[in-house]
Amino acid sequence: QVQLVESGGGLVPTGGSLRLSCAASGRTFGSYVMGWFRQAPGKEREFVAAINWSGSRTRYADSVKDRFTISSDNTKNTMGLQMNSLKPEDTAVYYCATGTLWTENAARYPYWGQGTQVTVSS
């Protein structure tokens, strides 16, 4: 049974930084893709970033490019999201997810964490 557990959310002022972590367990993830998504109140879940477990391939949403950095540690089965220069519009529940397809489509990721709240005050 695949399990994903996020941590690291919180409240930060505009311009601040946060680092999210996602611990994965339950299988070998060598061929899997790890993704971060977020969902703000009243909005659909949206893609933030993705990485393969080797870390050789990454993709970012335009809205977070150059501010967020995704990383993976396949020796520890963990994934991170370093978020800098945070804006109020980054406020959302952030989820990590994993699947076998290289895609920004949330529906194609079968495994999800429980989410962690990120709030950026203006």
PDB file of N, CA and C in Angstrom:
ATOM      1  N   GLN A   1       0.845  -1.181   0.000  1.00  0.00           N
ATOM      2  CA  GLN A   1       0.000   0.000   0.000  1.00  0.00           C
ATOM      3  C   GLN A   1       0.893   1.247   0.000  1.00  0.00           C
ATOM      4  N   VAL A   2       0.735   2.063  -1.043  1.00  0.00           N
ATOM      5  CA  VAL A   2       1.526   3.285  -1.131  1.00  0.00           C
ATOM      6  C   VAL A   2       0.990   4.320  -0.148  1.00  0.00           C
ATOM      7  N   GLN A   3       1.897   4.922   0.585  1.00  0.00           N
ATOM      8  CA  GLN A   3       1.522   6.001   1.501  1.00  0.00           C
ATOM      9  C   GLN A   3       2.416   7.203   1.260  1.00  0.00           C
ATOM     10  N   LEU A   4       1.799   8.369   1.244  1.00  0.00           N
ATOM     11  CA  LEU A   4       2.510   9.627   1.089  1.00  0.00           C
ATOM     12  C   LEU A   4       2.117  10.531   2.247  1.00  0.00           C
ATOM     13  N   VAL A   5       3.108  11.111   2.890  1.00  0.00           N
ATOM     14  CA  VAL A   5       2.838  11.977   4.034  1.00  0.00           C
ATOM     15  C   VAL A   5       3.579  13.291   3.838  1.00  0.00           C
ATOM     16  N   GLU A   6       2.800  14.382   3.755  1.00  0.00           N
ATOM     17  CA  GLU A   6       3.401  15.709   3.591  1.00  0.00           C
ATOM     18  C   GLU A   6       3.667  16.345   4.945  1.00  0.00           C
ATOM     19  N   SER A   7       4.620  17.253   4.952  1.00  0.00           N
ATOM     20  CA  SER A   7       4.899  18.056   6.140  1.00  0.00           C
ATOM     21  C   SER A   7       5.522  19.372   5.706  1.00  0.00           C
ATOM     22  N   GLY A   8       5.512  20.342   6.622  1.00  0.00           N
ATOM     23  CA  GLY A   8       6.222  21.588   6.365  1.00  0.00           C
ATOM     24  C   GLY A   8       5.367  22.792   6.045  1.00  0.00           C
ATOM     25  N   GLY A   9       4.053  22.632   5.984  1.00  0.00           N
ATOM     26  CA  GLY A   9       3.204  23.781   5.715  1.00  0.00           C
ATOM     27  C   GLY A   9       3.181  24.755   6.878  1.00  0.00           C
ATOM     28  N   GLY A  10       2.567  25.915   6.665  1.00  0.00           N
ATOM     29  CA  GLY A  10       2.473  26.898   7.734  1.00  0.00           C
ATOM     30  C   GLY A  10       2.055  28.252   7.215  1.00  0.00           C
ATOM     31  N   LEU A  11       2.214  29.248   8.079  1.00  0.00           N
ATOM     32  CA  LEU A  11       1.854  30.629   7.766  1.00  0.00           C
ATOM     33  C   LEU A  11       3.121  31.448   7.611  1.00  0.00           C
ATOM     34  N   VAL A  12       3.237  32.143   6.477  1.00  0.00           N
ATOM     35  CA  VAL A  12       4.398  32.984   6.225  1.00  0.00           C
ATOM     36  C   VAL A  12       3.946  34.310   5.630  1.00  0.00           C
ATOM     37  N   PRO A  13       4.730  35.361   5.796  1.00  0.00           N
ATOM     38  CA  PRO A  13       4.387  36.645   5.169  1.00  0.00           C
ATOM     39  C   PRO A  13       4.750  36.643   3.687  1.00  0.00           C
ATOM     40  N   THR A  14       4.187  37.560   2.953  1.00  0.00           N
ATOM     41  CA  THR A  14       4.559  37.723   1.547  1.00  0.00           C
ATOM     42  C   THR A  14       6.072  37.896   1.419  1.00  0.00           C
ATOM     43  N   GLY A  15       6.638  37.166   0.460  1.00  0.00           N
ATOM     44  CA  GLY A  15       8.077  37.208   0.263  1.00  0.00           C
ATOM     45  C   GLY A  15       8.851  36.176   1.052  1.00  0.00           C
ATOM     46  N   GLY A  16       8.169  35.487   1.935  1.00  0.00           N
ATOM     47  CA  GLY A  16       8.825  34.488   2.764  1.00  0.00           C
ATOM     48  C   GLY A  16       9.056  33.172   2.037  1.00  0.00           C
ATOM     49  N   SER A  17       9.595  32.208   2.774  1.00  0.00           N
ATOM     50  CA  SER A  17       9.935  30.903   2.216  1.00  0.00           C
ATOM     51  C   SER A  17       9.412  29.787   3.103  1.00  0.00           C
ATOM     52  N   LEU A  18       9.129  28.669   2.480  1.00  0.00           N
ATOM     53  CA  LEU A  18       8.740  27.439   3.175  1.00  0.00           C
ATOM     54  C   LEU A  18       9.304  26.268   2.395  1.00  0.00           C
ATOM     55  N   ARG A  19       9.563  25.174   3.117  1.00  0.00           N
ATOM     56  CA  ARG A  19       9.971  23.950   2.456  1.00  0.00           C
ATOM     57  C   ARG A  19       8.989  22.854   2.831  1.00  0.00           C
ATOM     58  N   LEU A  20       8.382  22.253   1.831  1.00  0.00           N
ATOM     59  CA  LEU A  20       7.491  21.118   2.041  1.00  0.00           C
ATOM     60  C   LEU A  20       8.260  19.824   1.792  1.00  0.00           C
ATOM     61  N   SER A  21       7.901  18.802   2.543  1.00  0.00           N
ATOM     62  CA  SER A  21       8.483  17.480   2.351  1.00  0.00           C
ATOM     63  C   SER A  21       7.374  16.456   2.166  1.00  0.00           C
ATOM     64  N   CYS A  22       7.697  15.396   1.436  1.00  0.00           N
ATOM     65  CA  CYS A  22       6.763  14.300   1.218  1.00  0.00           C
ATOM     66  C   CYS A  22       7.527  13.000   1.402  1.00  0.00           C
ATOM     67  N   ALA A  23       7.109  12.203   2.370  1.00  0.00           N
ATOM     68  CA  ALA A  23       7.722  10.908   2.623  1.00  0.00           C
ATOM     69  C   ALA A  23       6.868   9.823   1.990  1.00  0.00           C
ATOM     70  N   ALA A  24       7.492   8.994   1.168  1.00  0.00           N
ATOM     71  CA  ALA A  24       6.782   7.945   0.446  1.00  0.00           C
ATOM     72  C   ALA A  24       7.179   6.575   0.969  1.00  0.00           C
ATOM     73  N   SER A  25       6.227   5.671   1.013  1.00  0.00           N
ATOM     74  CA  SER A  25       6.501   4.297   1.458  1.00  0.00           C
ATOM     75  C   SER A  25       5.539   3.344   0.778  1.00  0.00           C
ATOM     76  N   GLY A  26       5.863   2.069   0.853  1.00  0.00           N
ATOM     77  CA  GLY A  26       4.934   1.063   0.373  1.00  0.00           C
ATOM     78  C   GLY A  26       5.323   0.349  -0.900  1.00  0.00           C
ATOM     79  N   ARG A  27       6.346   0.841  -1.585  1.00  0.00           N
ATOM     80  CA  ARG A  27       6.800   0.169  -2.799  1.00  0.00           C
ATOM     81  C   ARG A  27       8.128   0.772  -3.220  1.00  0.00           C
ATOM     82  N   THR A  28       8.685   0.225  -4.302  1.00  0.00           N
ATOM     83  CA  THR A  28       9.879   0.791  -4.919  1.00  0.00           C
ATOM     84  C   THR A  28       9.447   1.833  -5.937  1.00  0.00           C
ATOM     85  N   PHE A  29       9.972   3.052  -5.809  1.00  0.00           N
ATOM     86  CA  PHE A  29       9.493   4.161  -6.616  1.00  0.00           C
ATOM     87  C   PHE A  29      10.414   4.532  -7.768  1.00  0.00           C
ATOM     88  N   GLY A  30      11.358   3.667  -8.061  1.00  0.00           N
ATOM     89  CA  GLY A  30      12.373   4.024  -9.050  1.00  0.00           C
ATOM     90  C   GLY A  30      11.836   4.521 -10.371  1.00  0.00           C
ATOM     91  N   SER A  31      10.733   3.959 -10.855  1.00  0.00           N
ATOM     92  CA  SER A  31      10.211   4.349 -12.165  1.00  0.00           C
ATOM     93  C   SER A  31       9.050   5.321 -12.054  1.00  0.00           C
ATOM     94  N   TYR A  32       8.786   5.803 -10.871  1.00  0.00           N
ATOM     95  CA  TYR A  32       7.622   6.649 -10.653  1.00  0.00           C
ATOM     96  C   TYR A  32       7.953   8.126 -10.825  1.00  0.00           C
ATOM     97  N   VAL A  33       6.887   8.881 -11.015  1.00  0.00           N
ATOM     98  CA  VAL A  33       6.936  10.335 -11.082  1.00  0.00           C
ATOM     99  C   VAL A  33       6.310  10.875  -9.811  1.00  0.00           C
ATOM    100  N   MET A  34       6.924  11.889  -9.237  1.00  0.00           N
ATOM    101  CA  MET A  34       6.379  12.528  -8.043  1.00  0.00           C
ATOM    102  C   MET A  34       5.933  13.932  -8.411  1.00  0.00           C
ATOM    103  N   GLY A  35       4.779  14.309  -7.929  1.00  0.00           N
ATOM    104  CA  GLY A  35       4.259  15.628  -8.264  1.00  0.00           C
ATOM    105  C   GLY A  35       3.747  16.373  -7.046  1.00  0.00           C
ATOM    106  N   TRP A  36       3.765  17.675  -7.150  1.00  0.00           N
ATOM    107  CA  TRP A  36       3.124  18.552  -6.161  1.00  0.00           C
ATOM    108  C   TRP A  36       1.951  19.256  -6.845  1.00  0.00           C
ATOM    109  N   PHE A  37       0.845  19.277  -6.154  1.00  0.00           N
ATOM    110  CA  PHE A  37      -0.349  19.970  -6.623  1.00  0.00           C
ATOM    111  C   PHE A  37      -0.845  20.857  -5.485  1.00  0.00           C
ATOM    112  N   ARG A  38      -1.711  21.800  -5.823  1.00  0.00           N
ATOM    113  CA  ARG A  38      -2.293  22.635  -4.773  1.00  0.00           C
ATOM    114  C   ARG A  38      -3.741  22.938  -5.109  1.00  0.00           C
ATOM    115  N   GLN A  39      -4.496  23.211  -4.053  1.00  0.00           N
ATOM    116  CA  GLN A  39      -5.908  23.537  -4.231  1.00  0.00           C
ATOM    117  C   GLN A  39      -6.283  24.650  -3.270  1.00  0.00           C
ATOM    118  N   ALA A  40      -6.697  25.770  -3.838  1.00  0.00           N
ATOM    119  CA  ALA A  40      -7.172  26.896  -3.054  1.00  0.00           C
ATOM    120  C   ALA A  40      -8.688  26.790  -2.894  1.00  0.00           C
ATOM    121  N   PRO A  41      -9.254  27.416  -1.868  1.00  0.00           N
ATOM    122  CA  PRO A  41     -10.703  27.351  -1.656  1.00  0.00           C
ATOM    123  C   PRO A  41     -11.483  27.806  -2.892  1.00  0.00           C
ATOM    124  N   GLY A  42     -12.431  26.990  -3.315  1.00  0.00           N
ATOM    125  CA  GLY A  42     -13.266  27.338  -4.450  1.00  0.00           C
ATOM    126  C   GLY A  42     -12.627  27.144  -5.803  1.00  0.00           C
ATOM    127  N   LYS A  43     -11.406  26.602  -5.814  1.00  0.00           N
ATOM    128  CA  LYS A  43     -10.710  26.409  -7.094  1.00  0.00           C
ATOM    129  C   LYS A  43     -10.385  24.940  -7.308  1.00  0.00           C
ATOM    130  N   GLU A  44     -10.093  24.609  -8.553  1.00  0.00           N
ATOM    131  CA  GLU A  44      -9.712  23.237  -8.861  1.00  0.00           C
ATOM    132  C   GLU A  44      -8.267  22.976  -8.439  1.00  0.00           C
ATOM    133  N   ARG A  45      -7.986  21.699  -8.231  1.00  0.00           N
ATOM    134  CA  ARG A  45      -6.616  21.324  -7.914  1.00  0.00           C
ATOM    135  C   ARG A  45      -5.735  21.601  -9.121  1.00  0.00           C
ATOM    136  N   GLU A  46      -4.576  22.216  -8.897  1.00  0.00           N
ATOM    137  CA  GLU A  46      -3.713  22.578 -10.016  1.00  0.00           C
ATOM    138  C   GLU A  46      -2.302  22.037  -9.835  1.00  0.00           C
ATOM    139  N   PHE A  47      -1.678  21.777 -10.947  1.00  0.00           N
ATOM    140  CA  PHE A  47      -0.313  21.278 -10.979  1.00  0.00           C
ATOM    141  C   PHE A  47       0.651  22.356 -10.527  1.00  0.00           C
ATOM    142  N   VAL A  48       1.647  21.954  -9.744  1.00  0.00           N
ATOM    143  CA  VAL A  48       2.695  22.870  -9.302  1.00  0.00           C
ATOM    144  C   VAL A  48       4.043  22.472  -9.898  1.00  0.00           C
ATOM    145  N   ALA A  49       4.449  21.218  -9.669  1.00  0.00           N
ATOM    146  CA  ALA A  49       5.754  20.766 -10.147  1.00  0.00           C
ATOM    147  C   ALA A  49       5.790  19.252 -10.148  1.00  0.00           C
ATOM    148  N   ALA A  50       6.701  18.693 -10.932  1.00  0.00           N
ATOM    149  CA  ALA A  50       6.881  17.250 -10.979  1.00  0.00           C
ATOM    150  C   ALA A  50       8.357  16.925 -11.146  1.00  0.00           C
ATOM    151  N   ILE A  51       8.725  15.727 -10.706  1.00  0.00           N
ATOM    152  CA  ILE A  51      10.111  15.273 -10.806  1.00  0.00           C
ATOM    153  C   ILE A  51      10.103  13.756 -10.912  1.00  0.00           C
ATOM    154  N   ASN A  52      11.073  13.210 -11.636  1.00  0.00           N
ATOM    155  CA  ASN A  52      11.245  11.761 -11.578  1.00  0.00           C
ATOM    156  C   ASN A  52      12.160  11.435 -10.399  1.00  0.00           C
ATOM    157  N   TRP A  53      12.158  10.209  -9.970  1.00  0.00           N
ATOM    158  CA  TRP A  53      12.864   9.875  -8.741  1.00  0.00           C
ATOM    159  C   TRP A  53      14.366  10.069  -8.843  1.00  0.00           C
ATOM    160  N   SER A  54      14.914   9.954 -10.056  1.00  0.00           N
ATOM    161  CA  SER A  54      16.356  10.177 -10.180  1.00  0.00           C
ATOM    162  C   SER A  54      16.705  11.650 -10.105  1.00  0.00           C
ATOM    163  N   GLY A  55      15.688  12.505 -10.264  1.00  0.00           N
ATOM    164  CA  GLY A  55      15.922  13.942 -10.233  1.00  0.00           C
ATOM    165  C   GLY A  55      16.421  14.516 -11.535  1.00  0.00           C
ATOM    166  N   SER A  56      16.455  13.702 -12.574  1.00  0.00           N
ATOM    167  CA  SER A  56      17.019  14.153 -13.836  1.00  0.00           C
ATOM    168  C   SER A  56      16.031  14.947 -14.684  1.00  0.00           C
ATOM    169  N   ARG A  57      14.770  14.909 -14.292  1.00  0.00           N
ATOM    170  CA  ARG A  57      13.737  15.569 -15.089  1.00  0.00           C
ATOM    171  C   ARG A  57      12.782  16.290 -14.159  1.00  0.00           C
ATOM    172  N   THR A  58      12.537  17.569 -14.447  1.00  0.00           N
ATOM    173  CA  THR A  58      11.606  18.354 -13.649  1.00  0.00           C
ATOM    174  C   THR A  58      10.713  19.186 -14.563  1.00  0.00           C
ATOM    175  N   ARG A  59       9.579  19.577 -14.015  1.00  0.00           N
ATOM    176  CA  ARG A  59       8.650  20.457 -14.740  1.00  0.00           C
ATOM    177  C   ARG A  59       7.949  21.338 -13.715  1.00  0.00           C
ATOM    178  N   TYR A  60       7.720  22.574 -14.099  1.00  0.00           N
ATOM    179  CA  TYR A  60       7.065  23.525 -13.194  1.00  0.00           C
ATOM    180  C   TYR A  60       5.907  24.229 -13.890  1.00  0.00           C
ATOM    181  N   ALA A  61       4.902  24.567 -13.109  1.00  0.00           N
ATOM    182  CA  ALA A  61       3.862  25.459 -13.607  1.00  0.00           C
ATOM    183  C   ALA A  61       4.475  26.838 -13.811  1.00  0.00           C
ATOM    184  N   ASP A  62       3.995  27.564 -14.797  1.00  0.00           N
ATOM    185  CA  ASP A  62       4.538  28.898 -15.076  1.00  0.00           C
ATOM    186  C   ASP A  62       4.421  29.822 -13.863  1.00  0.00           C
ATOM    187  N   SER A  63       3.371  29.625 -13.087  1.00  0.00           N
ATOM    188  CA  SER A  63       3.121  30.513 -11.947  1.00  0.00           C
ATOM    189  C   SER A  63       4.150  30.364 -10.833  1.00  0.00           C
ATOM    190  N   VAL A  64       4.898  29.268 -10.827  1.00  0.00           N
ATOM    191  CA  VAL A  64       5.870  29.060  -9.740  1.00  0.00           C
ATOM    192  C   VAL A  64       7.301  28.953 -10.237  1.00  0.00           C
ATOM    193  N   LYS A  65       7.462  28.957 -11.551  1.00  0.00           N
ATOM    194  CA  LYS A  65       8.799  28.820 -12.134  1.00  0.00           C
ATOM    195  C   LYS A  65       9.702  29.931 -11.618  1.00  0.00           C
ATOM    196  N   ASP A  66      10.926  29.582 -11.306  1.00  0.00           N
ATOM    197  CA  ASP A  66      11.946  30.503 -10.786  1.00  0.00           C
ATOM    198  C   ASP A  66      11.725  30.883  -9.326  1.00  0.00           C
ATOM    199  N   ARG A  67      10.647  30.414  -8.707  1.00  0.00           N
ATOM    200  CA  ARG A  67      10.423  30.659  -7.273  1.00  0.00           C
ATOM    201  C   ARG A  67      10.430  29.357  -6.475  1.00  0.00           C
ATOM    202  N   PHE A  68       9.943  28.286  -7.069  1.00  0.00           N
ATOM    203  CA  PHE A  68       9.858  26.999  -6.398  1.00  0.00           C
ATOM    204  C   PHE A  68      10.893  26.041  -6.994  1.00  0.00           C
ATOM    205  N   THR A  69      11.402  25.145  -6.154  1.00  0.00           N
ATOM    206  CA  THR A  69      12.332  24.120  -6.610  1.00  0.00           C
ATOM    207  C   THR A  69      11.909  22.773  -6.055  1.00  0.00           C
ATOM    208  N   ILE A  70      11.709  21.821  -6.950  1.00  0.00           N
ATOM    209  CA  ILE A  70      11.341  20.465  -6.537  1.00  0.00           C
ATOM    210  C   ILE A  70      12.594  19.613  -6.484  1.00  0.00           C
ATOM    211  N   SER A  71      12.633  18.681  -5.537  1.00  0.00           N
ATOM    212  CA  SER A  71      13.800  17.818  -5.389  1.00  0.00           C
ATOM    213  C   SER A  71      13.352  16.435  -4.945  1.00  0.00           C
ATOM    214  N   SER A  72      14.217  15.469  -5.149  1.00  0.00           N
ATOM    215  CA  SER A  72      13.915  14.115  -4.711  1.00  0.00           C
ATOM    216  C   SER A  72      15.159  13.467  -4.134  1.00  0.00           C
ATOM    217  N   ASP A  73      14.967  12.601  -3.178  1.00  0.00           N
ATOM    218  CA  ASP A  73      16.045  11.819  -2.584  1.00  0.00           C
ATOM    219  C   ASP A  73      15.608  10.366  -2.625  1.00  0.00           C
ATOM    220  N   ASN A  74      16.079   9.641  -3.629  1.00  0.00           N
ATOM    221  CA  ASN A  74      15.587   8.276  -3.788  1.00  0.00           C
ATOM    222  C   ASN A  74      16.230   7.300  -2.807  1.00  0.00           C
ATOM    223  N   THR A  75      17.220   7.749  -2.061  1.00  0.00           N
ATOM    224  CA  THR A  75      17.781   6.888  -1.013  1.00  0.00           C
ATOM    225  C   THR A  75      16.904   6.909   0.231  1.00  0.00           C
ATOM    226  N   LYS A  76      16.135   7.980   0.382  1.00  0.00           N
ATOM    227  CA  LYS A  76      15.269   8.111   1.557  1.00  0.00           C
ATOM    228  C   LYS A  76      13.787   8.077   1.186  1.00  0.00           C
ATOM    229  N   ASN A  77      13.483   7.963  -0.118  1.00  0.00           N
ATOM    230  CA  ASN A  77      12.092   7.992  -0.574  1.00  0.00           C
ATOM    231  C   ASN A  77      11.382   9.260  -0.115  1.00  0.00           C
ATOM    232  N   THR A  78      12.049  10.378  -0.274  1.00  0.00           N
ATOM    233  CA  THR A  78      11.426  11.649   0.090  1.00  0.00           C
ATOM    234  C   THR A  78      11.505  12.622  -1.086  1.00  0.00           C
ATOM    235  N   MET A  79      10.572  13.538  -1.082  1.00  0.00           N
ATOM    236  CA  MET A  79      10.523  14.576  -2.101  1.00  0.00           C
ATOM    237  C   MET A  79      10.342  15.901  -1.389  1.00  0.00           C
ATOM    238  N   GLY A  80      10.905  16.955  -1.948  1.00  0.00           N
ATOM    239  CA  GLY A  80      10.783  18.262  -1.328  1.00  0.00           C
ATOM    240  C   GLY A  80      10.301  19.309  -2.306  1.00  0.00           C
ATOM    241  N   LEU A  81       9.768  20.395  -1.760  1.00  0.00           N
ATOM    242  CA  LEU A  81       9.394  21.553  -2.564  1.00  0.00           C
ATOM    243  C   LEU A  81       9.840  22.791  -1.799  1.00  0.00           C
ATOM    244  N   GLN A  82      10.897  23.418  -2.273  1.00  0.00           N
ATOM    245  CA  GLN A  82      11.375  24.662  -1.690  1.00  0.00           C
ATOM    246  C   GLN A  82      10.628  25.813  -2.343  1.00  0.00           C
ATOM    247  N   MET A  83       9.936  26.593  -1.521  1.00  0.00           N
ATOM    248  CA  MET A  83       9.108  27.680  -2.042  1.00  0.00           C
ATOM    249  C   MET A  83       9.664  29.008  -1.545  1.00  0.00           C
ATOM    250  N   ASN A  84      10.115  29.829  -2.456  1.00  0.00           N
ATOM    251  CA  ASN A  84      10.663  31.144  -2.135  1.00  0.00           C
ATOM    252  C   ASN A  84       9.797  32.245  -2.733  1.00  0.00           C
ATOM    253  N   SER A  85      10.003  33.438  -2.242  1.00  0.00           N
ATOM    254  CA  SER A  85       9.265  34.607  -2.754  1.00  0.00           C
ATOM    255  C   SER A  85       7.767  34.344  -2.801  1.00  0.00           C
ATOM    256  N   LEU A  86       7.239  33.834  -1.715  1.00  0.00           N
ATOM    257  CA  LEU A  86       5.834  33.436  -1.681  1.00  0.00           C
ATOM    258  C   LEU A  86       4.902  34.632  -1.794  1.00  0.00           C
ATOM    259  N   LYS A  87       3.794  34.398  -2.459  1.00  0.00           N
ATOM    260  CA  LYS A  87       2.777  35.423  -2.700  1.00  0.00           C
ATOM    261  C   LYS A  87       1.451  34.971  -2.078  1.00  0.00           C
ATOM    262  N   PRO A  88       0.561  35.905  -1.773  1.00  0.00           N
ATOM    263  CA  PRO A  88      -0.746  35.505  -1.239  1.00  0.00           C
ATOM    264  C   PRO A  88      -1.480  34.511  -2.138  1.00  0.00           C
ATOM    265  N   GLU A  89      -1.286  34.617  -3.437  1.00  0.00           N
ATOM    266  CA  GLU A  89      -1.964  33.695  -4.355  1.00  0.00           C
ATOM    267  C   GLU A  89      -1.397  32.281  -4.309  1.00  0.00           C
ATOM    268  N   ASP A  90      -0.314  32.078  -3.589  1.00  0.00           N
ATOM    269  CA  ASP A  90       0.213  30.721  -3.375  1.00  0.00           C
ATOM    270  C   ASP A  90      -0.515  30.013  -2.236  1.00  0.00           C
ATOM    271  N   THR A  91      -1.377  30.720  -1.523  1.00  0.00           N
ATOM    272  CA  THR A  91      -2.126  30.125  -0.425  1.00  0.00           C
ATOM    273  C   THR A  91      -3.019  29.003  -0.937  1.00  0.00           C
ATOM    274  N   ALA A  92      -2.848  27.822  -0.350  1.00  0.00           N
ATOM    275  CA  ALA A  92      -3.598  26.636  -0.785  1.00  0.00           C
ATOM    276  C   ALA A  92      -3.223  25.460   0.104  1.00  0.00           C
ATOM    277  N   VAL A  93      -3.957  24.375  -0.067  1.00  0.00           N
ATOM    278  CA  VAL A  93      -3.525  23.095   0.485  1.00  0.00           C
ATOM    279  C   VAL A  93      -2.645  22.440  -0.577  1.00  0.00           C
ATOM    280  N   TYR A  94      -1.462  22.041  -0.169  1.00  0.00           N
ATOM    281  CA  TYR A  94      -0.496  21.440  -1.086  1.00  0.00           C
ATOM    282  C   TYR A  94      -0.485  19.926  -0.869  1.00  0.00           C
ATOM    283  N   TYR A  95      -0.531  19.213  -1.991  1.00  0.00           N
ATOM    284  CA  TYR A  95      -0.565  17.748  -1.966  1.00  0.00           C
ATOM    285  C   TYR A  95       0.616  17.188  -2.747  1.00  0.00           C
ATOM    286  N   CYS A  96       1.200  16.113  -2.243  1.00  0.00           N
ATOM    287  CA  CYS A  96       2.137  15.357  -3.070  1.00  0.00           C
ATOM    288  C   CYS A  96       1.407  14.149  -3.619  1.00  0.00           C
ATOM    289  N   ALA A  97       1.842  13.714  -4.776  1.00  0.00           N
ATOM    290  CA  ALA A  97       1.199  12.605  -5.470  1.00  0.00           C
ATOM    291  C   ALA A  97       2.250  11.820  -6.240  1.00  0.00           C
ATOM    292  N   THR A  98       1.926  10.585  -6.540  1.00  0.00           N
ATOM    293  CA  THR A  98       2.843   9.774  -7.322  1.00  0.00           C
ATOM    294  C   THR A  98       2.102   8.888  -8.299  1.00  0.00           C
ATOM    295  N   GLY A  99       2.742   8.620  -9.414  1.00  0.00           N
ATOM    296  CA  GLY A  99       2.161   7.769 -10.437  1.00  0.00           C
ATOM    297  C   GLY A  99       3.230   7.377 -11.423  1.00  0.00           C
ATOM    298  N   THR A 100       2.834   6.713 -12.476  1.00  0.00           N
ATOM    299  CA  THR A 100       3.797   6.208 -13.449  1.00  0.00           C
ATOM    300  C   THR A 100       3.888   7.042 -14.711  1.00  0.00           C
ATOM    301  N   LEU A 101       3.010   8.040 -14.845  1.00  0.00           N
ATOM    302  CA  LEU A 101       2.993   8.847 -16.058  1.00  0.00           C
ATOM    303  C   LEU A 101       3.618  10.210 -15.833  1.00  0.00           C
ATOM    304  N   TRP A 102       4.353  10.690 -16.799  1.00  0.00           N
ATOM    305  CA  TRP A 102       4.917  12.042 -16.762  1.00  0.00           C
ATOM    306  C   TRP A 102       3.824  12.979 -17.270  1.00  0.00           C
ATOM    307  N   THR A 103       3.086  13.585 -16.335  1.00  0.00           N
ATOM    308  CA  THR A 103       1.929  14.380 -16.713  1.00  0.00           C
ATOM    309  C   THR A 103       1.629  15.444 -15.667  1.00  0.00           C
ATOM    310  N   GLU A 104       0.950  16.501 -16.103  1.00  0.00           N
ATOM    311  CA  GLU A 104       0.479  17.547 -15.193  1.00  0.00           C
ATOM    312  C   GLU A 104      -0.983  17.304 -14.798  1.00  0.00           C
ATOM    313  N   ASN A 105      -1.552  16.252 -15.324  1.00  0.00           N
ATOM    314  CA  ASN A 105      -2.957  15.937 -15.091  1.00  0.00           C
ATOM    315  C   ASN A 105      -3.128  15.214 -13.762  1.00  0.00           C
ATOM    316  N   ALA A 106      -3.767  15.879 -12.815  1.00  0.00           N
ATOM    317  CA  ALA A 106      -3.922  15.300 -11.484  1.00  0.00           C
ATOM    318  C   ALA A 106      -4.669  13.972 -11.518  1.00  0.00           C
ATOM    319  N   ALA A 107      -5.579  13.823 -12.454  1.00  0.00           N
ATOM    320  CA  ALA A 107      -6.388  12.607 -12.519  1.00  0.00           C
ATOM    321  C   ALA A 107      -5.562  11.372 -12.861  1.00  0.00           C
ATOM    322  N   ARG A 108      -4.362  11.580 -13.369  1.00  0.00           N
ATOM    323  CA  ARG A 108      -3.515  10.456 -13.760  1.00  0.00           C
ATOM    324  C   ARG A 108      -2.580  10.020 -12.642  1.00  0.00           C
ATOM    325  N   TYR A 109      -2.684  10.640 -11.480  1.00  0.00           N
ATOM    326  CA  TYR A 109      -1.866  10.250 -10.333  1.00  0.00           C
ATOM    327  C   TYR A 109      -2.752   9.439  -9.380  1.00  0.00           C
ATOM    328  N   PRO A 110      -2.466   8.172  -9.167  1.00  0.00           N
ATOM    329  CA  PRO A 110      -3.346   7.341  -8.339  1.00  0.00           C
ATOM    330  C   PRO A 110      -3.119   7.460  -6.832  1.00  0.00           C
ATOM    331  N   TYR A 111      -1.981   7.954  -6.426  1.00  0.00           N
ATOM    332  CA  TYR A 111      -1.658   7.983  -4.993  1.00  0.00           C
ATOM    333  C   TYR A 111      -1.432   9.417  -4.539  1.00  0.00           C
ATOM    334  N   TRP A 112      -2.042   9.746  -3.390  1.00  0.00           N
ATOM    335  CA  TRP A 112      -2.021  11.112  -2.884  1.00  0.00           C
ATOM    336  C   TRP A 112      -1.762  11.145  -1.384  1.00  0.00           C
ATOM    337  N   GLY A 113      -1.108  12.211  -0.945  1.00  0.00           N
ATOM    338  CA  GLY A 113      -0.988  12.468   0.476  1.00  0.00           C
ATOM    339  C   GLY A 113      -2.226  13.185   0.978  1.00  0.00           C
ATOM    340  N   GLN A 114      -2.218  13.497   2.273  1.00  0.00           N
ATOM    341  CA  GLN A 114      -3.390  14.098   2.893  1.00  0.00           C
ATOM    342  C   GLN A 114      -3.420  15.613   2.739  1.00  0.00           C
ATOM    343  N   GLY A 115      -2.313  16.203   2.350  1.00  0.00           N
ATOM    344  CA  GLY A 115      -2.246  17.637   2.117  1.00  0.00           C
ATOM    345  C   GLY A 115      -1.711  18.398   3.314  1.00  0.00           C
ATOM    346  N   THR A 116      -1.107  19.534   3.046  1.00  0.00           N
ATOM    347  CA  THR A 116      -0.608  20.417   4.095  1.00  0.00           C
ATOM    348  C   THR A 116      -0.933  21.860   3.703  1.00  0.00           C
ATOM    349  N   GLN A 117      -1.413  22.630   4.684  1.00  0.00           N
ATOM    350  CA  GLN A 117      -1.865  23.992   4.409  1.00  0.00           C
ATOM    351  C   GLN A 117      -0.693  24.959   4.342  1.00  0.00           C
ATOM    352  N   VAL A 118      -0.686  25.767   3.291  1.00  0.00           N
ATOM    353  CA  VAL A 118       0.273  26.862   3.168  1.00  0.00           C
ATOM    354  C   VAL A 118      -0.533  28.153   3.078  1.00  0.00           C
ATOM    355  N   THR A 119      -0.264  29.075   3.979  1.00  0.00           N
ATOM    356  CA  THR A 119      -0.959  30.357   3.983  1.00  0.00           C
ATOM    357  C   THR A 119       0.064  31.480   3.915  1.00  0.00           C
ATOM    358  N   VAL A 120      -0.102  32.360   2.930  1.00  0.00           N
ATOM    359  CA  VAL A 120       0.802  33.489   2.755  1.00  0.00           C
ATOM    360  C   VAL A 120       0.015  34.754   3.058  1.00  0.00           C
ATOM    361  N   SER A 121       0.426  35.449   4.089  1.00  0.00           N
ATOM    362  CA  SER A 121      -0.299  36.661   4.501  1.00  0.00           C
ATOM    363  C   SER A 121       0.187  37.868   3.698  1.00  0.00           C
ATOM    364  N   SER A 122      -0.764  38.755   3.416  1.00  0.00           N
ATOM    365  CA  SER A 122      -0.430  39.957   2.626  1.00  0.00           C
ATOM    366  C   SER A 122      -0.057  41.118   3.527  1.00  0.00           C
TER     367      SER A 122
END
